[in-house]
Amino acid sequence: MPKRYVVRLTDAEREMLNDLIKQRRVAAQKVLRAHVLLKADADGPHWTDVEIANAFDCRTQTIENMRERFVTEGCETTLHGKPKRRVRGKVLDGMQAAKMIALRLGPPPPGFANWTLRLLAAQAVALEIVESVSHETLRGTLKKTILRTGRSSIGSFRRPPMPSSRRVWRKCSRSMPNPTMRGIRCSAWMSNRYSS
């Protein structure tokens, strides 16, 4: 059965793919796609899909999809994939983030012991800092800032206190089990957590 999508590389595309393969720091997926396109080239080696799949340890459906994408969308899209459709900007700019942190560090509203993320989002909208904001957006913003408040741990990672590294010379009270050395006490370096 004849192939529906036949890969025919131009000299410039073939040279670009060979250069891509020779580069050191390239994503493995791009290198694999470049190899597949070079082997599937009708004017080059013209390998079958099964041969390419066996050589590069992938499925024949993957090879067919790459050939179809090359013919319908072009070489660049086949190599690099489709560009992201949804690119979102930052919801909070630097000034708004600073105001949110200042609000978080201030006292909570009456009737509340601590700030919650949802309460903080509602207060930000009420104070017209932002038009609308999700509590998850605030969580990400506060997580990036290390807050040292003493009340709650929203947005901060508290490290447990490190044990003291100071060593104390202590003598242990048991005797040695060897009868010739009976009565000789052992000595050891011991850390503070073992000392009484």
C-alpha atoms as a PDB file:
ATOM      1  CA  MET A   1       0.000   0.000   0.000  1.00  0.00           C
ATOM      2  CA  PRO A   2       1.493   3.368  -0.967  1.00  0.00           C
ATOM      3  CA  LYS A   3       2.178   5.834   1.814  1.00  0.00           C
ATOM      4  CA  ARG A   4      -0.269   8.675   2.108  1.00  0.00           C
ATOM      5  CA  TYR A   5       2.254  11.146   3.540  1.00  0.00           C
ATOM      6  CA  VAL A   6       5.667  11.026   1.875  1.00  0.00           C
ATOM      7  CA  VAL A   7       8.569  12.925   3.426  1.00  0.00           C
ATOM      8  CA  ARG A   8      10.671  14.841   0.895  1.00  0.00           C
ATOM      9  CA  LEU A   9      13.372  16.956   2.510  1.00  0.00           C
ATOM     10  CA  THR A  10      15.002  19.888   0.784  1.00  0.00           C
ATOM     11  CA  ASP A  11      18.766  20.272   0.940  1.00  0.00           C
ATOM     12  CA  ALA A  12      18.436  23.074   3.501  1.00  0.00           C
ATOM     13  CA  GLU A  13      16.163  20.960   5.735  1.00  0.00           C
ATOM     14  CA  ARG A  14      18.483  17.967   5.453  1.00  0.00           C
ATOM     15  CA  GLU A  15      21.481  20.110   6.412  1.00  0.00           C
ATOM     16  CA  MET A  16      19.564  21.654   9.330  1.00  0.00           C
ATOM     17  CA  LEU A  17      18.565  18.203  10.636  1.00  0.00           C
ATOM     18  CA  ASN A  18      22.147  16.909  10.360  1.00  0.00           C
ATOM     19  CA  ASP A  19      23.421  19.970  12.231  1.00  0.00           C
ATOM     20  CA  LEU A  20      20.778  19.429  14.926  1.00  0.00           C
ATOM     21  CA  ILE A  21      21.908  15.834  15.424  1.00  0.00           C
ATOM     22  CA  LYS A  22      25.561  16.888  15.767  1.00  0.00           C
ATOM     23  CA  GLN A  23      24.871  19.504  18.442  1.00  0.00           C
ATOM     24  CA  ARG A  24      25.691  18.526  22.006  1.00  0.00           C
ATOM     25  CA  ARG A  25      22.894  20.080  24.046  1.00  0.00           C
ATOM     26  CA  VAL A  26      19.672  19.225  22.260  1.00  0.00           C
ATOM     27  CA  ALA A  27      16.559  17.587  23.658  1.00  0.00           C
ATOM     28  CA  ALA A  28      16.493  13.844  22.999  1.00  0.00           C
ATOM     29  CA  GLN A  29      13.023  14.090  21.492  1.00  0.00           C
ATOM     30  CA  LYS A  30      14.220  16.589  18.879  1.00  0.00           C
ATOM     31  CA  VAL A  31      17.174  14.368  17.985  1.00  0.00           C
ATOM     32  CA  LEU A  32      14.853  11.370  17.614  1.00  0.00           C
ATOM     33  CA  ARG A  33      12.505  13.355  15.364  1.00  0.00           C
ATOM     34  CA  ALA A  34      15.452  14.546  13.255  1.00  0.00           C
ATOM     35  CA  HIS A  35      16.728  10.956  12.851  1.00  0.00           C
ATOM     36  CA  VAL A  36      13.258   9.721  11.887  1.00  0.00           C
ATOM     37  CA  LEU A  37      12.782  12.456   9.289  1.00  0.00           C
ATOM     38  CA  LEU A  38      16.202  11.779   7.765  1.00  0.00           C
ATOM     39  CA  LYS A  39      15.542   8.039   7.520  1.00  0.00           C
ATOM     40  CA  ALA A  40      12.000   8.527   6.154  1.00  0.00           C
ATOM     41  CA  ASP A  41      13.197  10.900   3.438  1.00  0.00           C
ATOM     42  CA  ALA A  42      12.015   9.626   0.042  1.00  0.00           C
ATOM     43  CA  ASP A  43      15.061  11.170  -1.655  1.00  0.00           C
ATOM     44  CA  GLY A  44      17.445   9.736   0.958  1.00  0.00           C
ATOM     45  CA  PRO A  45      17.594   6.344   2.684  1.00  0.00           C
ATOM     46  CA  HIS A  46      13.781   5.858   2.342  1.00  0.00           C
ATOM     47  CA  TRP A  47      13.448   3.338   5.160  1.00  0.00           C
ATOM     48  CA  THR A  48      10.084   1.736   5.875  1.00  0.00           C
ATOM     49  CA  ASP A  49       8.163   2.667   9.001  1.00  0.00           C
ATOM     50  CA  VAL A  50       8.858  -0.727  10.547  1.00  0.00           C
ATOM     51  CA  GLU A  51      12.614  -0.378   9.990  1.00  0.00           C
ATOM     52  CA  ILE A  52      12.633   3.117  11.504  1.00  0.00           C
ATOM     53  CA  ALA A  53      10.523   1.979  14.469  1.00  0.00           C
ATOM     54  CA  ASN A  54      12.866  -0.951  15.157  1.00  0.00           C
ATOM     55  CA  ALA A  55      15.987   1.187  14.759  1.00  0.00           C
ATOM     56  CA  PHE A  56      14.843   3.935  17.132  1.00  0.00           C
ATOM     57  CA  ASP A  57      12.774   1.803  19.525  1.00  0.00           C
ATOM     58  CA  CYS A  58       9.393   3.444  18.973  1.00  0.00           C
ATOM     59  CA  ARG A  59       6.029   2.486  17.493  1.00  0.00           C
ATOM     60  CA  THR A  60       5.167   2.585  13.801  1.00  0.00           C
ATOM     61  CA  GLN A  61       2.218   4.848  14.648  1.00  0.00           C
ATOM     62  CA  THR A  62       4.740   7.404  15.980  1.00  0.00           C
ATOM     63  CA  ILE A  63       6.566   7.348  12.645  1.00  0.00           C
ATOM     64  CA  GLU A  64       3.309   7.740  10.728  1.00  0.00           C
ATOM     65  CA  ASN A  65       2.286  10.680  12.929  1.00  0.00           C
ATOM     66  CA  MET A  66       5.650  12.378  12.337  1.00  0.00           C
ATOM     67  CA  ARG A  67       5.371  11.927   8.570  1.00  0.00           C
ATOM     68  CA  GLU A  68       1.828  13.311   8.603  1.00  0.00           C
ATOM     69  CA  ARG A  69       2.832  16.314  10.705  1.00  0.00           C
ATOM     70  CA  PHE A  70       5.816  17.012   8.438  1.00  0.00           C
ATOM     71  CA  VAL A  71       3.654  17.050   5.307  1.00  0.00           C
ATOM     72  CA  THR A  72       0.746  19.024   6.796  1.00  0.00           C
ATOM     73  CA  GLU A  73       2.492  21.432   9.166  1.00  0.00           C
ATOM     74  CA  GLY A  74       6.130  21.664   8.091  1.00  0.00           C
ATOM     75  CA  CYS A  75       9.585  20.806   9.383  1.00  0.00           C
ATOM     76  CA  GLU A  76       9.771  23.329  12.258  1.00  0.00           C
ATOM     77  CA  THR A  77       6.498  22.208  13.831  1.00  0.00           C
ATOM     78  CA  THR A  78       7.484  18.563  13.451  1.00  0.00           C
ATOM     79  CA  LEU A  79      10.776  19.136  15.251  1.00  0.00           C
ATOM     80  CA  HIS A  80       9.751  21.583  17.963  1.00  0.00           C
ATOM     81  CA  GLY A  81       6.090  20.671  18.440  1.00  0.00           C
ATOM     82  CA  LYS A  82       3.144  23.014  18.419  1.00  0.00           C
ATOM     83  CA  PRO A  83       3.563  26.289  20.282  1.00  0.00           C
ATOM     84  CA  LYS A  84       1.590  26.669  23.485  1.00  0.00           C
ATOM     85  CA  ARG A  85      -1.868  27.991  22.819  1.00  0.00           C
ATOM     86  CA  ARG A  86      -2.479  29.464  26.222  1.00  0.00           C
ATOM     87  CA  VAL A  87       0.160  31.792  27.529  1.00  0.00           C
ATOM     88  CA  ARG A  88      -0.882  33.527  30.710  1.00  0.00           C
ATOM     89  CA  GLY A  89       0.760  36.548  32.174  1.00  0.00           C
ATOM     90  CA  LYS A  90       1.222  37.179  35.861  1.00  0.00           C
ATOM     91  CA  VAL A  91      -1.971  37.928  37.733  1.00  0.00           C
ATOM     92  CA  LEU A  92      -0.210  39.959  40.420  1.00  0.00           C
ATOM     93  CA  ASP A  93       2.490  42.472  39.610  1.00  0.00           C
ATOM     94  CA  GLY A  94       5.239  43.365  42.091  1.00  0.00           C
ATOM     95  CA  MET A  95       3.312  46.165  43.768  1.00  0.00           C
ATOM     96  CA  GLN A  96       0.193  44.056  44.236  1.00  0.00           C
ATOM     97  CA  ALA A  97       2.244  41.146  45.589  1.00  0.00           C
ATOM     98  CA  ALA A  98       3.910  43.497  48.088  1.00  0.00           C
ATOM     99  CA  LYS A  99       0.509  44.759  49.224  1.00  0.00           C
ATOM    100  CA  MET A 100      -0.720  41.176  49.631  1.00  0.00           C
ATOM    101  CA  ILE A 101       2.294  40.291  51.757  1.00  0.00           C
ATOM    102  CA  ALA A 102       1.799  43.411  53.870  1.00  0.00           C
ATOM    103  CA  LEU A 103      -1.872  42.502  54.300  1.00  0.00           C
ATOM    104  CA  ARG A 104      -0.913  38.956  55.277  1.00  0.00           C
ATOM    105  CA  LEU A 105       1.548  40.216  57.882  1.00  0.00           C
ATOM    106  CA  GLY A 106      -1.018  42.534  59.413  1.00  0.00           C
ATOM    107  CA  PRO A 107      -3.622  41.468  61.948  1.00  0.00           C
ATOM    108  CA  PRO A 108      -6.506  39.325  60.658  1.00  0.00           C
ATOM    109  CA  PRO A 109     -10.012  40.805  60.519  1.00  0.00           C
ATOM    110  CA  PRO A 110     -12.133  40.751  63.681  1.00  0.00           C
ATOM    111  CA  GLY A 111     -13.550  37.330  64.409  1.00  0.00           C
ATOM    112  CA  PHE A 112     -10.640  35.444  62.849  1.00  0.00           C
ATOM    113  CA  ALA A 113      -7.555  34.126  64.595  1.00  0.00           C
ATOM    114  CA  ASN A 114      -5.433  33.728  61.432  1.00  0.00           C
ATOM    115  CA  TRP A 115      -5.511  34.642  57.776  1.00  0.00           C
ATOM    116  CA  THR A 116      -6.752  31.948  55.421  1.00  0.00           C
ATOM    117  CA  LEU A 117      -6.011  32.072  51.711  1.00  0.00           C
ATOM    118  CA  ARG A 118      -9.681  32.519  50.815  1.00  0.00           C
ATOM    119  CA  LEU A 119     -10.079  35.255  53.411  1.00  0.00           C
ATOM    120  CA  LEU A 120      -6.980  36.970  52.060  1.00  0.00           C
ATOM    121  CA  ALA A 121      -8.352  36.780  48.487  1.00  0.00           C
ATOM    122  CA  ALA A 122     -11.688  38.252  49.566  1.00  0.00           C
ATOM    123  CA  GLN A 123      -9.964  41.053  51.495  1.00  0.00           C
ATOM    124  CA  ALA A 124      -7.741  41.881  48.507  1.00  0.00           C
ATOM    125  CA  VAL A 125     -10.802  42.304  46.299  1.00  0.00           C
ATOM    126  CA  ALA A 126     -12.600  44.332  49.002  1.00  0.00           C
ATOM    127  CA  LEU A 127      -9.607  46.680  49.382  1.00  0.00           C
ATOM    128  CA  GLU A 128      -9.410  46.969  45.562  1.00  0.00           C
ATOM    129  CA  ILE A 129      -5.840  45.716  45.399  1.00  0.00           C
ATOM    130  CA  VAL A 130      -6.933  43.464  42.536  1.00  0.00           C
ATOM    131  CA  GLU A 131     -10.174  43.042  40.597  1.00  0.00           C
ATOM    132  CA  SER A 132     -10.325  39.287  41.182  1.00  0.00           C
ATOM    133  CA  VAL A 133      -7.818  36.756  42.421  1.00  0.00           C
ATOM    134  CA  SER A 134      -7.870  33.072  43.236  1.00  0.00           C
ATOM    135  CA  HIS A 135      -6.723  31.717  46.562  1.00  0.00           C
ATOM    136  CA  GLU A 136      -4.341  29.451  44.621  1.00  0.00           C
ATOM    137  CA  THR A 137      -2.690  32.486  43.032  1.00  0.00           C
ATOM    138  CA  LEU A 138      -2.122  33.917  46.490  1.00  0.00           C
ATOM    139  CA  ARG A 139      -0.768  30.594  47.705  1.00  0.00           C
ATOM    140  CA  GLY A 140       1.821  30.601  44.929  1.00  0.00           C
ATOM    141  CA  THR A 141       2.752  34.216  45.623  1.00  0.00           C
ATOM    142  CA  LEU A 142       3.090  33.679  49.348  1.00  0.00           C
ATOM    143  CA  LYS A 143       4.960  30.435  48.874  1.00  0.00           C
ATOM    144  CA  LYS A 144       7.670  32.258  46.952  1.00  0.00           C
ATOM    145  CA  THR A 145       8.213  34.656  49.826  1.00  0.00           C
ATOM    146  CA  ILE A 146       9.626  33.353  53.060  1.00  0.00           C
ATOM    147  CA  LEU A 147       7.533  34.847  55.800  1.00  0.00           C
ATOM    148  CA  ARG A 148       8.743  34.753  59.383  1.00  0.00           C
ATOM    149  CA  THR A 149       5.617  35.632  61.337  1.00  0.00           C
ATOM    150  CA  GLY A 150       5.032  33.694  64.551  1.00  0.00           C
ATOM    151  CA  ARG A 151       1.388  32.831  64.088  1.00  0.00           C
ATOM    152  CA  SER A 152       0.796  30.519  61.168  1.00  0.00           C
ATOM    153  CA  SER A 153       2.863  28.983  58.435  1.00  0.00           C
ATOM    154  CA  ILE A 154       1.031  30.195  55.313  1.00  0.00           C
ATOM    155  CA  GLY A 155       3.683  30.804  52.691  1.00  0.00           C
ATOM    156  CA  SER A 156       6.633  29.764  54.790  1.00  0.00           C
ATOM    157  CA  PHE A 157       8.587  26.619  55.348  1.00  0.00           C
ATOM    158  CA  ARG A 158       9.844  26.424  58.868  1.00  0.00           C
ATOM    159  CA  ARG A 159      12.958  24.361  59.338  1.00  0.00           C
ATOM    160  CA  PRO A 160      13.215  22.248  62.451  1.00  0.00           C
ATOM    161  CA  PRO A 161      15.928  23.389  64.834  1.00  0.00           C
ATOM    162  CA  MET A 162      19.245  21.722  64.176  1.00  0.00           C
ATOM    163  CA  PRO A 163      20.791  19.718  67.015  1.00  0.00           C
ATOM    164  CA  SER A 164      23.903  21.163  68.550  1.00  0.00           C
ATOM    165  CA  SER A 165      27.115  19.916  67.028  1.00  0.00           C
ATOM    166  CA  ARG A 166      29.139  20.557  70.179  1.00  0.00           C
ATOM    167  CA  ARG A 167      30.688  17.358  71.573  1.00  0.00           C
ATOM    168  CA  VAL A 168      31.164  16.535  75.219  1.00  0.00           C
ATOM    169  CA  TRP A 169      33.725  14.119  76.627  1.00  0.00           C
ATOM    170  CA  ARG A 170      31.827  11.587  78.705  1.00  0.00           C
ATOM    171  CA  LYS A 171      32.762   8.331  80.349  1.00  0.00           C
ATOM    172  CA  CYS A 172      30.460   5.382  80.072  1.00  0.00           C
ATOM    173  CA  SER A 173      29.880   3.359  83.188  1.00  0.00           C
ATOM    174  CA  ARG A 174      29.972  -0.211  81.933  1.00  0.00           C
ATOM    175  CA  SER A 175      33.010  -2.419  82.166  1.00  0.00           C
ATOM    176  CA  MET A 176      34.674  -4.219  79.315  1.00  0.00           C
ATOM    177  CA  PRO A 177      33.539  -7.840  78.822  1.00  0.00           C
ATOM    178  CA  ASN A 178      37.086  -9.204  78.569  1.00  0.00           C
ATOM    179  CA  PRO A 179      38.165 -10.662  81.964  1.00  0.00           C
ATOM    180  CA  THR A 180      41.755  -9.435  81.568  1.00  0.00           C
ATOM    181  CA  MET A 181      40.545  -5.875  81.041  1.00  0.00           C
ATOM    182  CA  ARG A 182      37.892  -5.944  83.753  1.00  0.00           C
ATOM    183  CA  GLY A 183      37.650  -2.713  85.613  1.00  0.00           C
ATOM    184  CA  ILE A 184      38.944  -0.542  82.762  1.00  0.00           C
ATOM    185  CA  ARG A 185      36.295   1.949  81.814  1.00  0.00           C
ATOM    186  CA  CYS A 186      35.653   2.925  78.190  1.00  0.00           C
ATOM    187  CA  SER A 187      35.595   6.509  76.998  1.00  0.00           C
ATOM    188  CA  ALA A 188      33.794   7.979  74.007  1.00  0.00           C
ATOM    189  CA  TRP A 189      32.801  11.218  72.366  1.00  0.00           C
ATOM    190  CA  MET A 190      29.102  11.715  72.886  1.00  0.00           C
ATOM    191  CA  SER A 191      26.818  14.439  71.609  1.00  0.00           C
ATOM    192  CA  ASN A 192      24.690  16.602  73.869  1.00  0.00           C
ATOM    193  CA  ARG A 193      21.465  14.747  73.222  1.00  0.00           C
ATOM    194  CA  TYR A 194      22.916  11.642  74.886  1.00  0.00           C
ATOM    195  CA  SER A 195      24.392  13.512  77.813  1.00  0.00           C
ATOM    196  CA  SER A 196      22.248  14.001  80.862  1.00  0.00           C
END
